[in-house]
Amino acid sequence: MVALYCDTLLRGCKAEEAGDAMSKYLLEKLKMKENWLGIWKANPDLFFVNSEDLVVPSVGILVEVTWKPPQSSSSQIKASVSVVEPFASNIANMPRELVDNILEELDHCVPLLEIYPVEGQDNTVFEIAQALDIVRFFYDFIWRDWDADESCETYAALVEERIKLWCDIQNGSIPAPLGHRFKKHLEKYKILRLELIQYQSNIEEEPTEEEVVECWKKYYELVMLCGLLKIWEDLRLRAHGPLTPRILRRRKGYRDDRKTVTHTVAKTMTAEMIKNFSLDAALQHHENLNAALESCYSGDTVMIFPGEYKAVNLSMLTEDIIIKGYILVQVLSFIDFFFLILLTLVVSKAQDIKLMHLTLVQQGTVDGIVVVESGHMTIANCVLKCEGTGVCVLTGASLTVTDSEITGAQGAGVELYPGSTALLEGNKIHHCNNTRASETSPRSLGGINIKVVPLPKLKMKNNHIFSNRGHGVTILQPTEIPASAEGVGELTASGDAEETLSKLMQDLRLEKNTNTLDDIKDIAVVHS
């Protein structure tokens, strides 16, 4: 797909020339046949006053297309159509007279991209149908209305990035909710732009003050959406989302006197709760977890007593602290219930931070349930119930997970970015890559996803990886290795990237002997 658009259709084009290039391509295909059958998928607003009540997105009508070259150049190619006998529509009891009247008003000319050739005709019509799909995809997902207004000498490169973005959404590399959010914003932008154009065209004379204000309101909202979409594209909408950098707070470090504090968190504190602490322990009590995290310096411990908590500050961890559930002997069998933390995500830039004896339940975000941006994080005896992505370890960061459970991730349970490090021991990673977009995709992420160049370092022992849609461990190998990639020399030192990849596979096979991988394919290599 990238080669089709970048090397063939748009090769050497500037952004403002892209529309003409697509029109030229389509016109060449249309010259091949003058008459063919198609389904005209029209906007319901043309036919119905309350089109919101319809359960179908468009009104489909069987038409015969008569194609003749346009007399003048136009950004929107139109075709002459006539209703086929017997009359056929996807709307039950659709009045034939209404369709005839609408076509009369349109002079029997409709936008060509609204017509879908009927299958089963000859090969020429099949080629026309393919060309229409290619052009429709360009305008639906690749083209942006602001492209022609900005200087873009390397438009093909921008097109390539947008195609990769679309592919990542389709195959599940980007969690389905995040991909849906992006497409929803893009569609909203298109709708608002049409509304603004329509509103301005209805102003016949000098606009009133109210009309000027309304125009500015619509324009301002449009600019805001445009800016948001550009940010998402610049950050390539990867699994950890368009929020980088998230942590802006300054690291406090240790207290001047190097003393440490144990922060207790409980709805109600009793004497029974603190009797097991040493007499000289510096204790500070908090009724909620956010307050405890806000008060921490490096070296502190946050002790969470049985309960259910929400903590926004878990997304801004910068201090070297320990966060753990206080296990009472009488509630050992109820750890999952008692130490429940409802969160958006945990993000750490601390040099050394530990999470112990906790159940983390992700809510309201599609970012990683835990994202280690830098430094080292240890997760021990925890349960991570994901809603979006699983645990993400970014470049240069390291992670240790022991005796824990990771489940429910839309993408992989653990994602290792290039140059990261992870040690996984005694864990259960299951029911991950749980996204519809990946059901039919050949590129499933599985339980653990490794992104290479430079190679991450992974050690696994006594883990059980099972019931993930896809593979147990997936190595995501870039099709093309950029010459400027940091650490690329490490990958290609022998002059053969395949040799290094083979060694990685061999190492993982050895690791497999001490792990249980029950998925469709235990270890697989896929190309990005």
Foldseek 3Di string as FASTA:
>chain_A
DLCCVDVPQQDQHALLCNLVSLVVVLVVLCVVDFKAKWWQFAQCVLQDPCCVPDPDRTKTWIWMWGDDDDPDDDSFDKTAIDGDPPTDIPDPPDDPVSVVVSCVVVVRIDGPLRIAGDPDDDPSVVVSNVSSVVVCCCVLFQDDPCRSVDGDSNSSVSSSLRVVLVVCCLQLQAFVVLSVVLSVLRVVLVVLVVVLVVLVVPPDDDDDPVSVVVSVVSVVVNVVSVVVNVLCSVVSQGQQGSCPPVADDDAPAADPVNDEAEEEEDLDDDPVVCPPPDPPHHYHYDPAPQVVQVPHHAPYEYEYEFDEHEYACQQHAAHAYEYEYDDDPVCPVPLARGQEYEYQAGEYAYQEYEYYSHEYEHPDYQGENYEYAEHEYEYENYEYADQHAAYEYEAHHEYEYELYEFEDYCAANYEYYENYEYEYENYEFAHYVVHPSNQPPPDHAAHYEWEPQPGYHYAYAAYEGDHYRHEHYEYEYEPDDDPPGPPVCVCCVVVDNVVSVVVVVVVVVVRVVRYHTYDPYHYYYDYD
